[in-house]
Amino acid sequence: MRQASLIFLIWFATKSSGQELFVFSDVPLLQDRSGKSLGCDAIPSWASHAPLSPAIRQGESLNLLLAVTNKRGSAFVLQTGQNPADSLRMQTSRLFPGTDGVDEPVTVPNPIRGRIGESQTCALFLLVVTAPADTPIGRVKLEPAAWIPDSAGGNYWIRYPMEIRVVPAASSRQPCLIDGKGFGKQLMQSVWELLGECPESADLRQYIDRVRKARQLLGRNQ
C-alpha cells in the first residue's frame, strides 16, 4: 500500500495538464463529515484510500468518493458503467465543499454533464454502490469514466477500471435506528453494515481504523 501511495503521489505531481479522474473509498468523508477538509488541494493526501477490488456483502452498500480535476470552469462528463449490466444499484451525488448554502450532496444523473466550479480545480462526487440481496456472489466490473476536453481543442475519456466483489450476506444482527438524513445518515448506515454495531456518535472519525480493517478482512476472507 505504501508503494502504491508513492506511485500515486509521483504520478499526480508530474501531471502537467491536471486533467484526471480519481476514485477513493469514503475514509476522507469519515474523517470530516462537514466537508471542510474536502478541498481540491487535499486530493494527493487521499492516495492510500484508492480502492481496486473492494468487497460488498449482499444487501449492503459501498461509498466511493470520485474527483474530476481540471482547470477552473472546465466542462466534463462523468459516468459509471458496470458489467454485467444492472447488477448493482448506483446513486451519484455531487459534493459542494466550501460552497455557501449547499451542505448536503445533490443527487445527479448518471451520466452527468457538468463544470468545475469557477473557484475550484476539481468536482467531487459521492457514488453509493449497492448490491441488492439477490445479487449473485461473484465479481462485477465497475468503471467510473470522465470525458474531459483538453486545451488544444481535443477531448478524451479517462477511465478508472475496477471490480466489485459481491460476497455472502452477513448473519443476522440487531437492527439499528439511525437518526439524521442524507449524507451523514448514509455514512452511519455504512459503518453499521460493516461493523455490525450502531455508531455511538455522528463523529465517525473514531471508527476509521476499524472500518479499514473490516474491509480488508472482508475482501481477504472471500
C-alpha atoms as a PDB file:
ATOM      1  CA  MET A   1       0.000   0.000   0.000  1.00  0.00           C
ATOM      2  CA  ARG A   2       2.875   2.373   0.808  1.00  0.00           C
ATOM      3  CA  GLN A   3       4.426   1.761  -2.624  1.00  0.00           C
ATOM      4  CA  ALA A   4       1.087   2.335  -4.336  1.00  0.00           C
ATOM      5  CA  SER A   5       0.679   5.610  -2.452  1.00  0.00           C
ATOM      6  CA  LEU A   6       4.155   6.747  -3.505  1.00  0.00           C
ATOM      7  CA  ILE A   7       3.433   5.955  -7.163  1.00  0.00           C
ATOM      8  CA  PHE A   8       0.144   7.877  -6.913  1.00  0.00           C
ATOM      9  CA  LEU A   9       1.864  10.962  -5.482  1.00  0.00           C
ATOM     10  CA  ILE A  10       4.632  10.941  -8.106  1.00  0.00           C
ATOM     11  CA  TRP A  11       2.037  10.499 -10.863  1.00  0.00           C
ATOM     12  CA  PHE A  12      -0.099  13.339  -9.519  1.00  0.00           C
ATOM     13  CA  ALA A  13       2.882  15.679  -9.119  1.00  0.00           C
ATOM     14  CA  THR A  14       4.143  15.080 -12.666  1.00  0.00           C
ATOM     15  CA  LYS A  15       0.797  15.557 -14.444  1.00  0.00           C
ATOM     16  CA  SER A  16       1.047  18.952 -16.131  1.00  0.00           C
ATOM     17  CA  SER A  17      -2.472  19.051 -17.520  1.00  0.00           C
ATOM     18  CA  GLY A  18      -4.291  18.467 -14.232  1.00  0.00           C
ATOM     19  CA  GLN A  19      -6.986  16.607 -16.158  1.00  0.00           C
ATOM     20  CA  GLU A  20      -7.617  13.452 -14.179  1.00  0.00           C
ATOM     21  CA  LEU A  21     -10.194  11.171 -12.596  1.00  0.00           C
ATOM     22  CA  PHE A  22      -9.560   9.765  -9.114  1.00  0.00           C
ATOM     23  CA  VAL A  23     -11.548   7.240  -7.064  1.00  0.00           C
ATOM     24  CA  PHE A  24     -11.260   6.825  -3.283  1.00  0.00           C
ATOM     25  CA  SER A  25     -13.045   4.998  -0.506  1.00  0.00           C
ATOM     26  CA  ASP A  26     -15.194   7.041   1.880  1.00  0.00           C
ATOM     27  CA  VAL A  27     -12.466   7.368   4.537  1.00  0.00           C
ATOM     28  CA  PRO A  28     -11.907  11.072   3.701  1.00  0.00           C
ATOM     29  CA  LEU A  29     -15.640  11.570   4.300  1.00  0.00           C
ATOM     30  CA  LEU A  30     -15.497   9.735   7.631  1.00  0.00           C
ATOM     31  CA  GLN A  31     -12.600  11.981   8.621  1.00  0.00           C
ATOM     32  CA  ASP A  32     -14.665  15.101   8.082  1.00  0.00           C
ATOM     33  CA  ARG A  33     -18.409  14.908   7.504  1.00  0.00           C
ATOM     34  CA  SER A  34     -18.590  18.686   7.385  1.00  0.00           C
ATOM     35  CA  GLY A  35     -16.623  18.696   4.140  1.00  0.00           C
ATOM     36  CA  LYS A  36     -14.256  21.403   5.390  1.00  0.00           C
ATOM     37  CA  SER A  37     -11.188  19.279   4.563  1.00  0.00           C
ATOM     38  CA  LEU A  38     -12.526  18.142   1.193  1.00  0.00           C
ATOM     39  CA  GLY A  39     -10.711  20.763  -0.813  1.00  0.00           C
ATOM     40  CA  CYS A  40      -9.078  20.049  -4.157  1.00  0.00           C
ATOM     41  CA  ASP A  41      -5.633  20.543  -2.624  1.00  0.00           C
ATOM     42  CA  ALA A  42      -6.280  17.576  -0.322  1.00  0.00           C
ATOM     43  CA  ILE A  43      -6.636  15.030  -3.130  1.00  0.00           C
ATOM     44  CA  PRO A  44      -2.969  13.838  -3.077  1.00  0.00           C
ATOM     45  CA  SER A  45      -3.288  13.080   0.654  1.00  0.00           C
ATOM     46  CA  TRP A  46      -6.063  10.565  -0.089  1.00  0.00           C
ATOM     47  CA  ALA A  47      -3.735   8.296  -2.107  1.00  0.00           C
ATOM     48  CA  SER A  48      -3.860   5.415   0.373  1.00  0.00           C
ATOM     49  CA  HIS A  49      -7.655   5.307   0.092  1.00  0.00           C
ATOM     50  CA  ALA A  50      -7.786   4.368  -3.614  1.00  0.00           C
ATOM     51  CA  PRO A  51      -9.620   1.004  -3.991  1.00  0.00           C
ATOM     52  CA  LEU A  52      -9.137  -1.537  -6.782  1.00  0.00           C
ATOM     53  CA  SER A  53     -11.270  -4.512  -5.794  1.00  0.00           C
ATOM     54  CA  PRO A  54     -13.488  -3.722  -2.782  1.00  0.00           C
ATOM     55  CA  ALA A  55     -15.951  -6.280  -1.436  1.00  0.00           C
ATOM     56  CA  ILE A  56     -19.643  -5.713  -0.692  1.00  0.00           C
ATOM     57  CA  ARG A  57     -21.924  -8.097   1.144  1.00  0.00           C
ATOM     58  CA  GLN A  58     -25.242  -8.976  -0.467  1.00  0.00           C
ATOM     59  CA  GLY A  59     -27.801  -6.418   0.651  1.00  0.00           C
ATOM     60  CA  GLU A  60     -25.238  -3.785   1.603  1.00  0.00           C
ATOM     61  CA  SER A  61     -23.535  -0.795   0.008  1.00  0.00           C
ATOM     62  CA  LEU A  62     -20.176   0.870  -0.515  1.00  0.00           C
ATOM     63  CA  ASN A  63     -19.439   4.596  -0.670  1.00  0.00           C
ATOM     64  CA  LEU A  64     -16.880   5.854  -3.174  1.00  0.00           C
ATOM     65  CA  LEU A  65     -15.503   9.388  -3.451  1.00  0.00           C
ATOM     66  CA  LEU A  66     -14.871  10.480  -7.062  1.00  0.00           C
ATOM     67  CA  ALA A  67     -12.805  13.501  -8.072  1.00  0.00           C
ATOM     68  CA  VAL A  68     -12.601  15.052 -11.551  1.00  0.00           C
ATOM     69  CA  THR A  69      -9.747  17.566 -11.767  1.00  0.00           C
ATOM     70  CA  ASN A  70      -9.201  20.197 -14.434  1.00  0.00           C
ATOM     71  CA  LYS A  71      -8.988  23.958 -14.912  1.00  0.00           C
ATOM     72  CA  ARG A  72     -11.492  26.250 -13.258  1.00  0.00           C
ATOM     73  CA  GLY A  73     -14.814  26.352 -15.066  1.00  0.00           C
ATOM     74  CA  SER A  74     -13.939  23.417 -17.351  1.00  0.00           C
ATOM     75  CA  ALA A  75     -16.699  21.219 -18.743  1.00  0.00           C
ATOM     76  CA  PHE A  76     -16.752  17.452 -18.187  1.00  0.00           C
ATOM     77  CA  VAL A  77     -18.957  14.387 -18.406  1.00  0.00           C
ATOM     78  CA  LEU A  78     -18.878  11.787 -15.630  1.00  0.00           C
ATOM     79  CA  GLN A  79     -20.444   8.360 -15.938  1.00  0.00           C
ATOM     80  CA  THR A  80     -20.101   4.973 -14.269  1.00  0.00           C
ATOM     81  CA  GLY A  81     -20.697   1.721 -16.120  1.00  0.00           C
ATOM     82  CA  GLN A  82     -20.885  -1.861 -14.924  1.00  0.00           C
ATOM     83  CA  ASN A  83     -20.678  -5.360 -16.361  1.00  0.00           C
ATOM     84  CA  PRO A  84     -22.857  -7.400 -16.096  1.00  0.00           C
ATOM     85  CA  ALA A  85     -25.251  -4.524 -16.620  1.00  0.00           C
ATOM     86  CA  ASP A  86     -27.737  -3.698 -13.844  1.00  0.00           C
ATOM     87  CA  SER A  87     -26.025  -5.991 -11.345  1.00  0.00           C
ATOM     88  CA  LEU A  88     -25.615  -3.193  -8.799  1.00  0.00           C
ATOM     89  CA  ARG A  89     -27.668  -0.146  -7.900  1.00  0.00           C
ATOM     90  CA  MET A  90     -25.800   3.143  -8.132  1.00  0.00           C
ATOM     91  CA  GLN A  91     -26.591   6.635  -6.953  1.00  0.00           C
ATOM     92  CA  THR A  92     -24.348   9.575  -7.773  1.00  0.00           C
ATOM     93  CA  SER A  93     -24.407  12.831  -5.817  1.00  0.00           C
ATOM     94  CA  ARG A  94     -22.265  15.927  -6.221  1.00  0.00           C
ATOM     95  CA  LEU A  95     -20.457  17.369  -3.214  1.00  0.00           C
ATOM     96  CA  PHE A  96     -20.005  21.126  -2.906  1.00  0.00           C
ATOM     97  CA  PRO A  97     -17.392  21.698  -0.159  1.00  0.00           C
ATOM     98  CA  GLY A  98     -16.823  25.323   0.638  1.00  0.00           C
ATOM     99  CA  THR A  99     -19.996  26.416  -1.145  1.00  0.00           C
ATOM    100  CA  ASP A 100     -22.380  28.543   0.898  1.00  0.00           C
ATOM    101  CA  GLY A 101     -25.878  27.147   1.210  1.00  0.00           C
ATOM    102  CA  VAL A 102     -25.041  23.626  -0.065  1.00  0.00           C
ATOM    103  CA  ASP A 103     -24.419  21.394   2.964  1.00  0.00           C
ATOM    104  CA  GLU A 104     -25.693  18.112   1.547  1.00  0.00           C
ATOM    105  CA  PRO A 105     -24.715  16.252  -1.648  1.00  0.00           C
ATOM    106  CA  VAL A 106     -27.070  16.874  -4.569  1.00  0.00           C
ATOM    107  CA  THR A 107     -28.267  13.770  -6.430  1.00  0.00           C
ATOM    108  CA  VAL A 108     -27.318  13.893 -10.115  1.00  0.00           C
ATOM    109  CA  PRO A 109     -27.969  11.623 -13.120  1.00  0.00           C
ATOM    110  CA  ASN A 110     -25.576   9.019 -14.491  1.00  0.00           C
ATOM    111  CA  PRO A 111     -24.081  10.228 -16.769  1.00  0.00           C
ATOM    112  CA  ILE A 112     -23.851  13.854 -15.695  1.00  0.00           C
ATOM    113  CA  ARG A 113     -22.663  16.813 -17.744  1.00  0.00           C
ATOM    114  CA  GLY A 114     -21.191  19.497 -15.533  1.00  0.00           C
ATOM    115  CA  ARG A 115     -18.487  22.079 -14.983  1.00  0.00           C
ATOM    116  CA  ILE A 116     -15.711  22.576 -12.483  1.00  0.00           C
ATOM    117  CA  GLY A 117     -16.604  25.483 -10.207  1.00  0.00           C
ATOM    118  CA  GLU A 118     -15.116  28.855 -11.112  1.00  0.00           C
ATOM    119  CA  SER A 119     -13.277  28.934  -7.777  1.00  0.00           C
ATOM    120  CA  GLN A 120     -12.306  25.238  -7.845  1.00  0.00           C
ATOM    121  CA  THR A 121      -9.967  22.921  -9.744  1.00  0.00           C
ATOM    122  CA  CYS A 122     -11.989  19.772  -9.109  1.00  0.00           C
ATOM    123  CA  ALA A 123     -15.508  18.419  -8.903  1.00  0.00           C
ATOM    124  CA  LEU A 124     -16.250  15.900  -6.144  1.00  0.00           C
ATOM    125  CA  PHE A 125     -18.908  13.194  -6.166  1.00  0.00           C
ATOM    126  CA  LEU A 126     -20.255  10.562  -3.792  1.00  0.00           C
ATOM    127  CA  LEU A 127     -21.055   7.291  -5.580  1.00  0.00           C
ATOM    128  CA  VAL A 128     -23.116   4.870  -3.499  1.00  0.00           C
ATOM    129  CA  VAL A 129     -22.909   1.334  -4.903  1.00  0.00           C
ATOM    130  CA  THR A 130     -25.450  -1.149  -3.507  1.00  0.00           C
ATOM    131  CA  ALA A 131     -25.574  -4.903  -4.006  1.00  0.00           C
ATOM    132  CA  PRO A 132     -29.233  -5.997  -3.750  1.00  0.00           C
ATOM    133  CA  ALA A 133     -29.844  -9.009  -1.530  1.00  0.00           C
ATOM    134  CA  ASP A 134     -30.345 -11.266  -4.555  1.00  0.00           C
ATOM    135  CA  THR A 135     -27.156 -10.183  -6.353  1.00  0.00           C
ATOM    136  CA  PRO A 136     -25.223 -13.319  -7.370  1.00  0.00           C
ATOM    137  CA  ILE A 137     -21.980 -13.887  -5.483  1.00  0.00           C
ATOM    138  CA  GLY A 138     -19.076 -13.057  -7.761  1.00  0.00           C
ATOM    139  CA  ARG A 139     -17.351 -10.127  -9.431  1.00  0.00           C
ATOM    140  CA  VAL A 140     -18.879  -7.128 -11.157  1.00  0.00           C
ATOM    141  CA  LYS A 141     -16.760  -4.798 -13.270  1.00  0.00           C
ATOM    142  CA  LEU A 142     -17.255  -1.164 -12.316  1.00  0.00           C
ATOM    143  CA  GLU A 143     -15.783   1.658 -14.403  1.00  0.00           C
ATOM    144  CA  PRO A 144     -16.114   5.317 -13.491  1.00  0.00           C
ATOM    145  CA  ALA A 145     -15.111   7.397 -16.532  1.00  0.00           C
ATOM    146  CA  ALA A 146     -14.758  11.107 -17.228  1.00  0.00           C
ATOM    147  CA  TRP A 147     -14.817  12.882 -20.597  1.00  0.00           C
ATOM    148  CA  ILE A 148     -12.592  15.942 -20.468  1.00  0.00           C
ATOM    149  CA  PRO A 149     -11.730  18.390 -23.277  1.00  0.00           C
ATOM    150  CA  ASP A 150      -8.078  19.456 -23.487  1.00  0.00           C
ATOM    151  CA  SER A 151      -6.587  22.884 -24.132  1.00  0.00           C
ATOM    152  CA  ALA A 152      -5.827  22.021 -27.777  1.00  0.00           C
ATOM    153  CA  GLY A 153      -9.492  21.535 -28.568  1.00  0.00           C
ATOM    154  CA  GLY A 154      -9.433  17.749 -28.423  1.00  0.00           C
ATOM    155  CA  ASN A 155     -11.217  15.548 -25.935  1.00  0.00           C
ATOM    156  CA  TYR A 156     -10.816  12.115 -24.445  1.00  0.00           C
ATOM    157  CA  TRP A 157     -12.117   9.708 -21.821  1.00  0.00           C
ATOM    158  CA  ILE A 158     -10.228   8.927 -18.627  1.00  0.00           C
ATOM    159  CA  ARG A 159     -11.264   5.596 -17.134  1.00  0.00           C
ATOM    160  CA  TYR A 160     -10.814   4.010 -13.712  1.00  0.00           C
ATOM    161  CA  PRO A 161     -11.414   0.260 -14.202  1.00  0.00           C
ATOM    162  CA  MET A 162     -12.110  -1.658 -11.024  1.00  0.00           C
ATOM    163  CA  GLU A 163     -14.243  -4.525  -9.808  1.00  0.00           C
ATOM    164  CA  ILE A 164     -16.709  -5.077  -7.008  1.00  0.00           C
ATOM    165  CA  ARG A 165     -16.595  -8.451  -5.284  1.00  0.00           C
ATOM    166  CA  VAL A 166     -20.070  -9.440  -4.098  1.00  0.00           C
ATOM    167  CA  VAL A 167     -19.775 -11.722  -1.065  1.00  0.00           C
ATOM    168  CA  PRO A 168     -22.396 -13.578   1.043  1.00  0.00           C
ATOM    169  CA  ALA A 169     -24.740 -11.578   3.228  1.00  0.00           C
ATOM    170  CA  ALA A 170     -23.892 -11.049   6.880  1.00  0.00           C
ATOM    171  CA  SER A 171     -25.513 -13.168   9.565  1.00  0.00           C
ATOM    172  CA  SER A 172     -28.498 -11.690  11.368  1.00  0.00           C
ATOM    173  CA  ARG A 173     -27.775  -8.662  13.526  1.00  0.00           C
ATOM    174  CA  GLN A 174     -29.632  -6.306  15.794  1.00  0.00           C
ATOM    175  CA  PRO A 175     -31.452  -3.524  13.926  1.00  0.00           C
ATOM    176  CA  CYS A 176     -30.032  -0.039  14.169  1.00  0.00           C
ATOM    177  CA  LEU A 177     -32.183   3.079  14.193  1.00  0.00           C
ATOM    178  CA  ILE A 178     -30.010   5.762  12.630  1.00  0.00           C
ATOM    179  CA  ASP A 179     -31.043   9.351  13.135  1.00  0.00           C
ATOM    180  CA  GLY A 180     -30.317  12.080  10.653  1.00  0.00           C
ATOM    181  CA  LYS A 181     -30.718  12.373   6.932  1.00  0.00           C
ATOM    182  CA  GLY A 182     -28.871  12.442   3.662  1.00  0.00           C
ATOM    183  CA  PHE A 183     -25.099  12.376   3.655  1.00  0.00           C
ATOM    184  CA  GLY A 184     -24.492  11.758   7.354  1.00  0.00           C
ATOM    185  CA  LYS A 185     -27.128   9.038   7.580  1.00  0.00           C
ATOM    186  CA  GLN A 186     -25.615   7.209   4.592  1.00  0.00           C
ATOM    187  CA  LEU A 187     -22.159   7.183   6.196  1.00  0.00           C
ATOM    188  CA  MET A 188     -23.516   5.964   9.541  1.00  0.00           C
ATOM    189  CA  GLN A 189     -25.504   3.260   7.751  1.00  0.00           C
ATOM    190  CA  SER A 190     -22.319   2.029   6.078  1.00  0.00           C
ATOM    191  CA  VAL A 191     -20.466   1.898   9.405  1.00  0.00           C
ATOM    192  CA  TRP A 192     -23.291  -0.176  10.894  1.00  0.00           C
ATOM    193  CA  GLU A 193     -23.385  -2.560   7.931  1.00  0.00           C
ATOM    194  CA  LEU A 194     -19.649  -3.131   8.048  1.00  0.00           C
ATOM    195  CA  LEU A 195     -19.087  -3.360  11.813  1.00  0.00           C
ATOM    196  CA  GLY A 196     -22.481  -4.743  12.864  1.00  0.00           C
ATOM    197  CA  GLU A 197     -22.963  -2.140  15.576  1.00  0.00           C
ATOM    198  CA  CYS A 198     -24.774   1.175  15.755  1.00  0.00           C
ATOM    199  CA  PRO A 199     -22.466   4.195  15.644  1.00  0.00           C
ATOM    200  CA  GLU A 200     -22.441   5.811  19.076  1.00  0.00           C
ATOM    201  CA  SER A 201     -21.875   9.262  17.658  1.00  0.00           C
ATOM    202  CA  ALA A 202     -22.233  11.251  14.463  1.00  0.00           C
ATOM    203  CA  ASP A 203     -18.475  11.889  14.751  1.00  0.00           C
ATOM    204  CA  LEU A 204     -17.279   8.899  12.716  1.00  0.00           C
ATOM    205  CA  ARG A 205     -13.528   9.534  12.952  1.00  0.00           C
ATOM    206  CA  GLN A 206     -13.296   7.083  15.848  1.00  0.00           C
ATOM    207  CA  TYR A 207     -14.377   4.244  13.523  1.00  0.00           C
ATOM    208  CA  ILE A 208     -11.890   4.819  10.688  1.00  0.00           C
ATOM    209  CA  ASP A 209      -9.266   2.262  11.735  1.00  0.00           C
ATOM    210  CA  ARG A 210     -11.886  -0.395  12.429  1.00  0.00           C
ATOM    211  CA  VAL A 211     -13.657   0.301   9.151  1.00  0.00           C
ATOM    212  CA  ARG A 212     -10.430  -0.058   7.164  1.00  0.00           C
ATOM    213  CA  LYS A 213      -9.502  -3.313   8.907  1.00  0.00           C
ATOM    214  CA  ALA A 214     -13.021  -4.725   8.480  1.00  0.00           C
ATOM    215  CA  ARG A 215     -12.933  -4.005   4.751  1.00  0.00           C
ATOM    216  CA  GLN A 216      -9.533  -5.635   4.403  1.00  0.00           C
ATOM    217  CA  LEU A 217     -10.762  -8.751   6.213  1.00  0.00           C
ATOM    218  CA  LEU A 218     -13.985  -8.833   4.214  1.00  0.00           C
ATOM    219  CA  GLY A 219     -12.065  -8.903   0.964  1.00  0.00           C
ATOM    220  CA  ARG A 220      -9.346 -11.237   2.219  1.00  0.00           C
ATOM    221  CA  ASN A 221     -11.697 -13.901   3.550  1.00  0.00           C
ATOM    222  CA  GLN A 222     -13.731 -14.257   0.348  1.00  0.00           C
END
